[in-house]
Amino acid sequence: MSDVDFHFPKSPKRAVFTLQQVIHGHDPILMVFHDREEDDWQFLNGKTVSQKDMLVVPFAKILSHDPSLHTLANLPAGWCAVRKSTNHAWERKELFAAKIKS
């Protein structure tokens, strides 16, 4: 994938979070989180996540794994996208962080 094909605001070499079950082809990506605070991205299977299953991979690897993710390039920080299966469209939702008053 060239930088020309890459429409996300970060580099294709930037590290993102995913799961072993996703990368090894057992589970599809059904949830995507774009973190507001750290500007990190998470590509998850929609199931309960165990820290031992987490992987860090380059953005380009996750996008080549599931080309439908290109449609989420403009997902704002602080938002997530979910779908019921790979046959369903992505639905975008704003994440609401609780604000702690000091």
N, C-alpha and C. Protein backbone atom coordinates (compact mmCIF):
# COMPACT_ATOMS: atom_id res chain seq x y z
N MET A 1 0.86 -1.17 0.00
CA MET A 1 0.00 0.00 0.00
C MET A 1 0.90 1.23 0.00
N SER A 2 0.64 2.10 -0.93
CA SER A 2 1.43 3.33 -0.99
C SER A 2 0.77 4.40 -0.15
N ASP A 3 1.54 5.45 0.15
CA ASP A 3 0.98 6.58 0.90
C ASP A 3 -0.17 7.22 0.14
N VAL A 4 -0.16 7.11 -1.20
CA VAL A 4 -1.23 7.68 -2.01
C VAL A 4 -2.56 6.98 -1.72
N ASP A 5 -2.51 5.67 -1.48
CA ASP A 5 -3.71 4.89 -1.19
C ASP A 5 -4.16 5.02 0.26
N PHE A 6 -3.38 5.64 1.07
CA PHE A 6 -3.62 5.72 2.50
C PHE A 6 -4.33 7.03 2.83
N HIS A 7 -5.58 6.95 3.28
CA HIS A 7 -6.38 8.15 3.50
C HIS A 7 -6.54 8.52 4.97
N PHE A 8 -5.95 7.75 5.86
CA PHE A 8 -6.03 8.07 7.28
C PHE A 8 -5.07 9.21 7.59
N PRO A 9 -5.35 9.98 8.65
CA PRO A 9 -4.50 11.14 8.95
C PRO A 9 -3.11 10.78 9.48
N LYS A 10 -2.88 9.56 9.83
CA LYS A 10 -1.59 9.13 10.35
C LYS A 10 -0.85 8.28 9.31
N SER A 11 0.40 8.01 9.54
CA SER A 11 1.24 7.24 8.63
C SER A 11 0.79 5.77 8.56
N PRO A 12 0.97 5.11 7.40
CA PRO A 12 0.66 3.68 7.30
C PRO A 12 1.56 2.83 8.19
N LYS A 13 2.67 3.41 8.66
CA LYS A 13 3.58 2.68 9.55
C LYS A 13 3.22 2.86 11.02
N ARG A 14 2.28 3.76 11.31
CA ARG A 14 1.88 4.03 12.69
C ARG A 14 1.30 2.77 13.32
N ALA A 15 1.63 2.53 14.57
CA ALA A 15 1.14 1.35 15.28
C ALA A 15 -0.31 1.53 15.70
N VAL A 16 -1.09 0.46 15.55
CA VAL A 16 -2.48 0.42 16.00
C VAL A 16 -2.67 -0.86 16.81
N PHE A 17 -3.75 -0.90 17.58
CA PHE A 17 -4.04 -2.06 18.42
C PHE A 17 -5.07 -2.96 17.76
N THR A 18 -4.86 -4.25 17.86
CA THR A 18 -5.81 -5.24 17.39
C THR A 18 -5.65 -6.51 18.23
N LEU A 19 -6.21 -7.60 17.74
CA LEU A 19 -6.18 -8.86 18.49
C LEU A 19 -5.57 -9.97 17.65
N GLN A 20 -4.98 -10.95 18.33
CA GLN A 20 -4.46 -12.12 17.64
C GLN A 20 -5.56 -12.80 16.83
N GLN A 21 -6.78 -12.87 17.39
CA GLN A 21 -7.89 -13.54 16.72
C GLN A 21 -8.26 -12.86 15.40
N VAL A 22 -8.04 -11.56 15.33
CA VAL A 22 -8.31 -10.81 14.10
C VAL A 22 -7.21 -11.07 13.08
N ILE A 23 -5.97 -10.88 13.48
CA ILE A 23 -4.84 -11.00 12.56
C ILE A 23 -4.69 -12.41 12.02
N HIS A 24 -4.98 -13.40 12.85
CA HIS A 24 -4.82 -14.79 12.41
C HIS A 24 -6.06 -15.33 11.72
N GLY A 25 -7.04 -14.46 11.44
CA GLY A 25 -8.17 -14.82 10.61
C GLY A 25 -9.31 -15.54 11.28
N HIS A 26 -9.31 -15.61 12.60
CA HIS A 26 -10.39 -16.31 13.29
C HIS A 26 -11.62 -15.44 13.45
N ASP A 27 -11.44 -14.14 13.65
CA ASP A 27 -12.56 -13.23 13.91
C ASP A 27 -12.48 -12.01 13.00
N PRO A 28 -13.63 -11.51 12.54
CA PRO A 28 -13.63 -10.27 11.76
C PRO A 28 -13.53 -9.06 12.67
N ILE A 29 -13.18 -7.93 12.10
CA ILE A 29 -13.18 -6.67 12.83
C ILE A 29 -14.62 -6.15 12.83
N LEU A 30 -15.18 -6.00 14.01
CA LEU A 30 -16.55 -5.52 14.16
C LEU A 30 -16.65 -4.23 14.94
N MET A 31 -15.55 -3.80 15.56
CA MET A 31 -15.53 -2.56 16.33
C MET A 31 -14.22 -1.82 16.07
N VAL A 32 -14.33 -0.52 15.86
CA VAL A 32 -13.15 0.32 15.66
C VAL A 32 -13.30 1.52 16.60
N PHE A 33 -12.26 1.77 17.36
CA PHE A 33 -12.25 2.92 18.27
C PHE A 33 -11.13 3.87 17.86
N HIS A 34 -11.46 5.16 17.80
CA HIS A 34 -10.45 6.20 17.57
C HIS A 34 -10.42 7.04 18.84
N ASP A 35 -9.41 6.81 19.64
CA ASP A 35 -9.30 7.42 20.97
C ASP A 35 -9.07 8.92 20.88
N ARG A 36 -9.82 9.65 21.67
CA ARG A 36 -9.72 11.12 21.68
C ARG A 36 -8.44 11.58 22.38
N GLU A 37 -8.10 10.99 23.50
CA GLU A 37 -6.97 11.47 24.31
C GLU A 37 -5.61 11.21 23.65
N GLU A 38 -5.38 9.98 23.25
CA GLU A 38 -4.08 9.59 22.71
C GLU A 38 -4.04 9.53 21.19
N ASP A 39 -5.22 9.68 20.55
CA ASP A 39 -5.34 9.57 19.10
C ASP A 39 -4.95 8.18 18.60
N ASP A 40 -5.12 7.16 19.46
CA ASP A 40 -4.84 5.78 19.08
C ASP A 40 -6.05 5.18 18.37
N TRP A 41 -5.80 4.11 17.64
CA TRP A 41 -6.84 3.35 16.96
C TRP A 41 -6.84 1.92 17.47
N GLN A 42 -8.03 1.35 17.66
CA GLN A 42 -8.19 -0.05 18.06
C GLN A 42 -9.13 -0.73 17.07
N PHE A 43 -8.75 -1.92 16.62
CA PHE A 43 -9.54 -2.69 15.67
C PHE A 43 -9.85 -4.03 16.33
N LEU A 44 -11.09 -4.18 16.80
CA LEU A 44 -11.46 -5.30 17.67
C LEU A 44 -12.55 -6.17 17.05
N ASN A 45 -12.77 -7.32 17.68
CA ASN A 45 -13.73 -8.30 17.17
C ASN A 45 -15.12 -8.19 17.79
N GLY A 46 -15.33 -7.30 18.72
CA GLY A 46 -16.64 -7.15 19.34
C GLY A 46 -16.90 -8.09 20.50
N LYS A 47 -15.89 -8.84 20.87
CA LYS A 47 -16.01 -9.76 22.00
C LYS A 47 -15.21 -9.22 23.18
N THR A 48 -15.31 -9.87 24.31
CA THR A 48 -14.52 -9.49 25.47
C THR A 48 -13.05 -9.62 25.12
N VAL A 49 -12.29 -8.61 25.48
CA VAL A 49 -10.87 -8.55 25.13
C VAL A 49 -10.02 -8.91 26.33
N SER A 50 -9.04 -9.76 26.09
CA SER A 50 -8.05 -10.10 27.11
C SER A 50 -6.73 -9.44 26.70
N GLN A 51 -6.05 -8.88 27.66
CA GLN A 51 -4.80 -8.19 27.36
C GLN A 51 -3.79 -9.12 26.69
N LYS A 52 -3.83 -10.40 27.00
CA LYS A 52 -2.88 -11.35 26.40
C LYS A 52 -3.12 -11.55 24.90
N ASP A 53 -4.31 -11.19 24.43
CA ASP A 53 -4.65 -11.33 23.02
C ASP A 53 -4.31 -10.09 22.19
N MET A 54 -3.95 -8.99 22.85
CA MET A 54 -3.69 -7.74 22.14
C MET A 54 -2.39 -7.82 21.32
N LEU A 55 -2.43 -7.19 20.17
CA LEU A 55 -1.26 -7.06 19.30
C LEU A 55 -1.14 -5.60 18.87
N VAL A 56 0.06 -5.21 18.57
CA VAL A 56 0.33 -3.90 17.98
C VAL A 56 0.88 -4.17 16.59
N VAL A 57 0.21 -3.61 15.58
CA VAL A 57 0.60 -3.82 14.18
C VAL A 57 0.60 -2.47 13.46
N PRO A 58 1.26 -2.39 12.31
CA PRO A 58 1.22 -1.15 11.53
C PRO A 58 -0.18 -0.94 10.94
N PHE A 59 -0.57 0.31 10.79
CA PHE A 59 -1.85 0.67 10.19
C PHE A 59 -2.03 -0.06 8.85
N ALA A 60 -0.99 -0.08 8.04
CA ALA A 60 -1.08 -0.71 6.71
C ALA A 60 -1.46 -2.18 6.80
N LYS A 61 -0.98 -2.89 7.81
CA LYS A 61 -1.30 -4.32 7.95
C LYS A 61 -2.78 -4.52 8.24
N ILE A 62 -3.33 -3.73 9.14
CA ILE A 62 -4.75 -3.90 9.48
C ILE A 62 -5.63 -3.51 8.29
N LEU A 63 -5.23 -2.51 7.52
CA LEU A 63 -6.02 -2.10 6.36
C LEU A 63 -5.95 -3.11 5.23
N SER A 64 -4.82 -3.77 5.06
CA SER A 64 -4.74 -4.81 4.04
C SER A 64 -5.52 -6.05 4.49
N HIS A 65 -5.64 -6.23 5.80
CA HIS A 65 -6.39 -7.36 6.35
C HIS A 65 -7.89 -7.19 6.08
N ASP A 66 -8.39 -5.96 6.16
CA ASP A 66 -9.82 -5.68 5.95
C ASP A 66 -9.96 -4.36 5.20
N PRO A 67 -10.05 -4.41 3.87
CA PRO A 67 -10.14 -3.19 3.07
C PRO A 67 -11.37 -2.32 3.38
N SER A 68 -12.42 -2.87 3.99
CA SER A 68 -13.59 -2.04 4.32
C SER A 68 -13.24 -0.95 5.32
N LEU A 69 -12.13 -1.09 6.02
CA LEU A 69 -11.72 -0.10 7.01
C LEU A 69 -11.35 1.24 6.37
N HIS A 70 -11.05 1.23 5.09
CA HIS A 70 -10.73 2.49 4.40
C HIS A 70 -11.89 3.48 4.49
N THR A 71 -13.11 2.97 4.61
CA THR A 71 -14.28 3.85 4.69
C THR A 71 -14.33 4.60 6.02
N LEU A 72 -13.49 4.21 6.97
CA LEU A 72 -13.47 4.85 8.29
C LEU A 72 -12.33 5.87 8.44
N ALA A 73 -11.68 6.20 7.36
CA ALA A 73 -10.52 7.11 7.41
C ALA A 73 -10.85 8.45 8.04
N ASN A 74 -12.08 8.90 7.91
CA ASN A 74 -12.46 10.20 8.47
C ASN A 74 -13.20 10.07 9.80
N LEU A 75 -13.09 8.92 10.46
CA LEU A 75 -13.70 8.73 11.78
C LEU A 75 -13.02 9.68 12.77
N PRO A 76 -13.77 10.61 13.35
CA PRO A 76 -13.13 11.58 14.25
C PRO A 76 -12.60 10.93 15.54
N ALA A 77 -11.62 11.56 16.13
CA ALA A 77 -11.14 11.13 17.45
C ALA A 77 -12.31 11.26 18.43
N GLY A 78 -12.47 10.26 19.29
CA GLY A 78 -13.58 10.26 20.23
C GLY A 78 -14.82 9.56 19.68
N TRP A 79 -14.67 8.87 18.57
CA TRP A 79 -15.77 8.15 17.95
C TRP A 79 -15.40 6.67 17.79
N CYS A 80 -16.43 5.85 17.60
CA CYS A 80 -16.23 4.44 17.28
C CYS A 80 -17.11 4.09 16.09
N ALA A 81 -16.82 2.97 15.49
CA ALA A 81 -17.66 2.42 14.41
C ALA A 81 -17.89 0.96 14.73
N VAL A 82 -19.12 0.50 14.56
CA VAL A 82 -19.48 -0.88 14.85
C VAL A 82 -20.31 -1.44 13.69
N ARG A 83 -20.28 -2.75 13.57
CA ARG A 83 -21.14 -3.44 12.61
C ARG A 83 -21.45 -4.82 13.17
N LYS A 84 -22.57 -5.40 12.74
CA LYS A 84 -22.99 -6.70 13.26
C LYS A 84 -22.19 -7.84 12.64
N SER A 85 -21.81 -7.68 11.40
CA SER A 85 -21.01 -8.68 10.69
C SER A 85 -20.33 -7.99 9.52
N THR A 86 -19.51 -8.71 8.81
CA THR A 86 -18.83 -8.12 7.65
C THR A 86 -19.81 -7.84 6.51
N ASN A 87 -21.01 -8.38 6.60
CA ASN A 87 -22.05 -8.12 5.59
C ASN A 87 -22.85 -6.86 5.90
N HIS A 88 -22.63 -6.24 7.04
CA HIS A 88 -23.35 -5.04 7.46
C HIS A 88 -22.46 -3.81 7.28
N ALA A 89 -23.13 -2.67 7.13
CA ALA A 89 -22.41 -1.39 7.01
C ALA A 89 -21.91 -0.94 8.38
N TRP A 90 -20.87 -0.14 8.37
CA TRP A 90 -20.35 0.45 9.60
C TRP A 90 -21.33 1.52 10.10
N GLU A 91 -21.59 1.52 11.41
CA GLU A 91 -22.38 2.56 12.06
C GLU A 91 -21.45 3.34 12.96
N ARG A 92 -21.46 4.65 12.84
CA ARG A 92 -20.57 5.51 13.62
C ARG A 92 -21.30 6.07 14.83
N LYS A 93 -20.56 6.13 15.95
CA LYS A 93 -21.13 6.65 17.19
C LYS A 93 -20.08 7.46 17.93
N GLU A 94 -20.53 8.56 18.52
CA GLU A 94 -19.62 9.36 19.33
C GLU A 94 -19.48 8.72 20.70
N LEU A 95 -18.25 8.66 21.19
CA LEU A 95 -17.99 8.13 22.53
C LEU A 95 -18.11 9.28 23.52
N PHE A 96 -18.76 9.04 24.62
CA PHE A 96 -18.92 10.07 25.64
C PHE A 96 -18.05 9.72 26.83
N ALA A 97 -17.07 10.55 27.09
CA ALA A 97 -16.18 10.33 28.23
C ALA A 97 -16.74 11.11 29.42
N ALA A 98 -16.75 10.45 30.55
CA ALA A 98 -17.20 11.14 31.78
C ALA A 98 -16.15 12.17 32.16
N LYS A 99 -16.58 13.35 32.43
CA LYS A 99 -15.66 14.41 32.86
C LYS A 99 -15.66 14.47 34.38
N ILE A 100 -14.49 14.47 34.94
CA ILE A 100 -14.34 14.52 36.39
C ILE A 100 -14.06 15.96 36.78
N LYS A 101 -14.87 16.47 37.66
CA LYS A 101 -14.66 17.84 38.12
C LYS A 101 -13.60 17.84 39.22
N SER A 102 -12.71 18.81 39.13
CA SER A 102 -11.67 18.89 40.16
C SER A 102 -11.97 19.97 41.16
